[in-house]
Amino acid sequence: MQWQRLDGRSWDQLRAVSFKKHFTDIPAGSVLAKFGNTQLICTVSIESGVPKFLEDSDRGWLTAEYRFLPGATKPRQPRELQKLSGRTQEIQRLIGRSLRSALDLKAIANYTITVDVDVLQADAGTRTGGVTAGFVGLQLAIDRLLAEGVITQSPIQRAIAAVSVGLINGEPFLDLDYTEDVVASVDLNVVMDDRFNLIEIQGTAESETYSRRQLNQMLDLAETGIKSLLALQQA
């Protein structure tokens, strides 16, 4: 029997997605994003200077920081103050790598872009949501720099989005929520650009192995979801 989704979605349907741009004034770009019950805020700041390893390289840099706010989960999750968990480090590196792939770093020479993703409410998909919302915030920030004359050419070469796919009872499902994430035998996170080239695949067999055929099914499903997310980003 096929898994029945609690929210009534079909197996190939995204959760409701929304982006509220410019929800705060100080950063160069900001967006409040919702993916079903997962909610996160993304702010993008741009400063002069680059990390030491890029000095005199005529290149810019993009980095990301990712955090859960204490009330994002139940029970309350303490703030990570002294040492970041391995999970947090892994996710913020994924977000940073993914968004850097969208840029011509030479076009922002001697500038560093910092993308901050803070999870307000977690119902799975926070890392893929961070990539997808992070790109919206990045686009808004670049638009502002262009309007202010700080840069004369957009460094953005391609749009980026990400989505999760999972196997439940051997069948693929798009954009898992928490109730599905905890029972999925395979959890796959996929990042693609607007040409549907792959940027990153994170696929883990949680309780069962999976075949090449099932992997292809999940990648096809992820591409369908990312196509919809790219359209929502542009809208």
Protein backbone atom coordinates (compact mmCIF):
# COMPACT_ATOMS: atom_id res chain seq x y z
CA MET A 1 0.00 0.00 0.00
CA GLN A 2 1.29 3.44 -0.91
CA TRP A 3 2.04 5.82 1.95
CA GLN A 4 -0.84 8.21 2.65
CA ARG A 5 0.42 11.74 3.28
CA LEU A 6 -1.13 13.42 6.30
CA ASP A 7 -1.50 16.75 4.48
CA GLY A 8 -3.24 15.15 1.50
CA ARG A 9 -0.50 15.87 -1.02
CA SER A 10 0.21 13.56 -3.91
CA TRP A 11 3.55 11.77 -4.00
CA ASP A 12 4.99 14.26 -6.48
CA GLN A 13 3.68 17.47 -4.90
CA LEU A 14 5.64 20.15 -3.04
CA ARG A 15 4.42 21.63 0.20
CA ALA A 16 2.97 25.14 -0.02
CA VAL A 17 5.89 27.52 -0.65
CA SER A 18 6.02 31.28 -0.10
CA PHE A 19 8.69 33.99 -0.05
CA LYS A 20 8.25 37.37 1.62
CA LYS A 21 11.04 39.60 0.39
CA HIS A 22 12.54 42.70 2.08
CA PHE A 23 10.96 41.78 5.42
CA THR A 24 13.80 43.65 7.15
CA ASP A 25 15.65 46.76 5.97
CA ILE A 26 19.24 46.59 7.20
CA PRO A 27 20.70 43.64 5.21
CA ALA A 28 21.28 43.99 1.49
CA GLY A 29 18.73 41.21 0.95
CA SER A 30 16.21 39.45 3.17
CA VAL A 31 13.44 36.91 2.76
CA LEU A 32 11.02 35.11 5.05
CA ALA A 33 10.42 31.70 3.49
CA LYS A 34 7.87 29.00 4.24
CA PHE A 35 7.92 25.42 2.99
CA GLY A 36 4.81 23.93 4.53
CA ASN A 37 5.31 24.20 8.28
CA THR A 38 9.05 24.78 7.94
CA GLN A 39 9.76 28.50 8.27
CA LEU A 40 13.10 30.25 8.03
CA ILE A 41 14.55 33.70 7.65
CA CYS A 42 17.41 34.44 5.32
CA THR A 43 19.43 37.65 5.37
CA VAL A 44 22.31 38.51 3.05
CA SER A 45 25.07 40.95 4.02
CA ILE A 46 27.88 42.23 1.81
CA GLU A 47 31.13 43.68 3.17
CA SER A 48 34.43 44.83 1.73
CA GLY A 49 37.32 42.43 2.08
CA VAL A 50 37.84 38.70 1.61
CA PRO A 51 39.26 35.85 3.71
CA LYS A 52 43.02 35.73 3.98
CA PHE A 53 43.38 32.85 1.53
CA LEU A 54 41.79 35.02 -1.19
CA GLU A 55 43.80 38.19 -0.66
CA ASP A 56 45.32 39.54 -3.92
CA SER A 57 43.30 37.01 -5.94
CA ASP A 58 40.86 39.49 -7.55
CA ARG A 59 38.03 37.24 -6.43
CA GLY A 60 35.20 37.64 -3.99
CA TRP A 61 33.71 35.10 -1.62
CA LEU A 62 30.38 33.81 -0.35
CA THR A 63 29.92 32.03 2.94
CA ALA A 64 26.86 30.86 4.86
CA GLU A 65 25.83 30.47 8.48
CA TYR A 66 22.93 28.26 9.55
CA ARG A 67 21.29 28.04 12.96
CA PHE A 68 18.15 26.71 14.62
CA LEU A 69 16.45 29.28 16.82
CA PRO A 70 15.66 27.76 20.24
CA GLY A 71 11.91 27.61 19.63
CA ALA A 72 12.19 25.95 16.22
CA THR A 73 11.71 22.49 17.68
CA LYS A 74 10.03 20.80 20.60
CA PRO A 75 11.59 20.42 23.09
CA ARG A 76 13.48 23.72 22.96
CA GLN A 77 16.89 23.45 21.35
CA PRO A 78 19.66 25.36 23.18
CA ARG A 79 21.63 27.90 21.18
CA GLU A 80 24.95 26.68 19.79
CA LEU A 81 27.27 29.23 21.35
CA GLN A 82 30.65 27.69 22.09
CA LYS A 83 30.86 24.88 19.55
CA LEU A 84 28.78 24.13 16.46
CA SER A 85 27.39 20.63 16.07
CA GLY A 86 28.61 18.53 13.17
CA ARG A 87 25.14 18.75 11.61
CA THR A 88 25.13 22.56 11.71
CA GLN A 89 28.60 22.75 10.15
CA GLU A 90 27.63 20.29 7.43
CA ILE A 91 24.47 22.18 6.50
CA GLN A 92 25.99 25.65 6.40
CA ARG A 93 28.81 24.33 4.22
CA LEU A 94 26.24 22.80 1.87
CA ILE A 95 24.39 26.13 1.62
CA GLY A 96 27.63 28.03 1.02
CA ARG A 97 28.92 25.60 -1.63
CA SER A 98 25.60 25.57 -3.44
CA LEU A 99 25.22 29.34 -3.58
CA ARG A 100 28.86 29.91 -4.59
CA SER A 101 28.19 27.75 -7.63
CA ALA A 102 25.68 30.38 -8.77
CA LEU A 103 28.28 33.17 -8.86
CA ASP A 104 31.15 34.47 -10.91
CA LEU A 105 33.34 35.32 -7.92
CA LYS A 106 35.55 37.57 -10.06
CA ALA A 107 32.55 39.88 -10.55
CA ILE A 108 32.47 40.59 -6.79
CA ALA A 109 36.23 40.93 -6.37
CA ASN A 110 37.23 42.00 -2.85
CA TYR A 111 33.72 41.60 -1.43
CA THR A 112 32.43 38.91 0.91
CA ILE A 113 28.77 37.90 0.87
CA THR A 114 27.42 36.28 4.03
CA VAL A 115 24.15 34.37 3.82
CA ASP A 116 22.54 33.83 7.24
CA VAL A 117 19.83 31.17 7.45
CA ASP A 118 17.93 30.98 10.75
CA VAL A 119 15.25 28.35 11.23
CA LEU A 120 12.14 29.70 12.96
CA GLN A 121 10.17 26.45 12.80
CA ALA A 122 11.42 23.06 11.70
CA ASP A 123 9.29 20.45 9.96
CA ALA A 124 12.07 18.85 7.87
CA GLY A 125 13.68 20.26 4.73
CA THR A 126 15.59 23.03 6.48
CA ARG A 127 18.83 22.48 4.53
CA THR A 128 17.11 22.38 1.13
CA GLY A 129 14.94 25.33 2.18
CA GLY A 130 18.08 27.19 3.21
CA VAL A 131 19.56 26.78 -0.27
CA THR A 132 16.33 27.73 -2.05
CA ALA A 133 15.56 30.75 0.15
CA GLY A 134 19.23 31.67 0.27
CA PHE A 135 19.24 32.14 -3.49
CA VAL A 136 16.22 34.45 -3.29
CA GLY A 137 17.98 36.56 -0.65
CA LEU A 138 21.16 36.56 -2.73
CA GLN A 139 19.31 37.77 -5.84
CA LEU A 140 17.68 40.58 -3.83
CA ALA A 141 21.06 41.62 -2.41
CA ILE A 142 22.70 41.71 -5.84
CA ASP A 143 19.78 43.71 -7.25
CA ARG A 144 20.32 46.26 -4.47
CA LEU A 145 24.06 46.52 -5.16
CA LEU A 146 23.37 47.08 -8.84
CA ALA A 147 20.76 49.76 -8.07
CA GLU A 148 23.18 51.56 -5.75
CA GLY A 149 26.03 51.38 -8.28
CA VAL A 150 28.29 49.38 -5.98
CA ILE A 151 28.74 46.87 -8.81
CA THR A 152 27.96 47.31 -12.50
CA GLN A 153 27.48 43.66 -13.50
CA SER A 154 25.55 40.90 -11.80
CA PRO A 155 27.77 38.03 -10.65
CA ILE A 156 24.82 35.60 -10.74
CA GLN A 157 25.31 33.11 -13.55
CA ARG A 158 22.51 30.65 -12.76
CA ALA A 159 19.60 30.16 -10.40
CA ILE A 160 19.84 27.50 -7.69
CA ALA A 161 17.22 25.48 -5.81
CA ALA A 162 17.12 22.33 -3.70
CA VAL A 163 14.57 19.77 -2.56
CA SER A 164 14.36 16.53 -0.62
CA VAL A 165 13.08 13.19 -1.89
CA GLY A 166 12.59 10.04 0.14
CA LEU A 167 11.68 6.40 -0.25
CA ILE A 168 8.77 5.25 1.91
CA ASN A 169 7.66 1.63 1.53
CA GLY A 170 9.90 1.50 -1.52
CA GLU A 171 8.13 4.39 -3.29
CA PRO A 172 9.53 7.90 -3.93
CA PHE A 173 7.95 10.97 -2.33
CA LEU A 174 8.81 14.63 -2.94
CA ASP A 175 9.56 17.24 -0.26
CA LEU A 176 9.27 15.24 2.94
CA ASP A 177 7.83 16.71 6.13
CA TYR A 178 8.98 15.49 9.54
CA THR A 179 6.46 12.65 9.86
CA GLU A 180 7.72 11.29 6.53
CA ASP A 181 11.38 12.02 7.13
CA VAL A 182 11.49 9.84 10.26
CA VAL A 183 10.02 6.78 8.51
CA ALA A 184 11.78 7.11 5.12
CA SER A 185 14.19 4.28 4.35
CA VAL A 186 16.19 6.61 2.08
CA ASP A 187 16.65 10.36 2.42
CA LEU A 188 17.98 12.24 -0.62
CA ASN A 189 18.74 15.97 -0.83
CA VAL A 190 19.31 17.34 -4.32
CA VAL A 191 20.64 20.75 -5.45
CA MET A 192 20.29 21.76 -9.11
CA ASP A 193 20.67 24.87 -11.23
CA ASP A 194 18.21 26.31 -13.74
CA ARG A 195 19.66 24.12 -16.50
CA PHE A 196 18.92 21.10 -14.26
CA ASN A 197 22.60 20.35 -13.87
CA LEU A 198 23.41 18.71 -10.56
CA ILE A 199 25.32 20.69 -7.96
CA GLU A 200 25.12 18.35 -5.01
CA ILE A 201 23.46 15.06 -4.06
CA GLN A 202 23.29 13.87 -0.47
CA GLY A 203 21.72 10.42 -0.36
CA THR A 204 21.64 8.15 2.66
CA ALA A 205 20.16 4.71 3.15
CA GLU A 206 18.64 5.09 6.59
CA SER A 207 17.31 1.55 7.01
CA GLU A 208 17.45 -0.14 3.59
CA THR A 209 19.69 -0.01 0.56
CA TYR A 210 18.34 1.35 -2.71
CA SER A 211 18.86 0.47 -6.34
CA ARG A 212 20.18 2.51 -9.24
CA ARG A 213 16.64 2.44 -10.68
CA GLN A 214 15.24 3.94 -7.47
CA LEU A 215 17.98 6.57 -7.45
CA ASN A 216 17.04 7.57 -10.99
CA GLN A 217 13.38 7.77 -9.96
CA MET A 218 14.25 10.05 -7.06
CA LEU A 219 16.45 12.29 -9.20
CA ASP A 220 13.68 12.62 -11.79
CA LEU A 221 11.24 13.53 -9.02
CA ALA A 222 13.69 16.03 -7.54
CA GLU A 223 14.08 17.69 -10.95
CA THR A 224 10.30 18.08 -11.19
CA GLY A 225 10.20 19.72 -7.76
CA ILE A 226 13.15 22.00 -8.46
CA LYS A 227 11.54 23.16 -11.70
CA SER A 228 8.55 24.34 -9.66
CA LEU A 229 10.76 25.94 -7.01
CA LEU A 230 12.73 27.87 -9.64
CA ALA A 231 9.48 29.27 -11.00
CA LEU A 232 8.37 30.30 -7.49
CA GLN A 233 11.73 31.99 -6.88
CA GLN A 234 11.39 34.05 -10.04
CA ALA A 235 7.78 34.95 -9.25
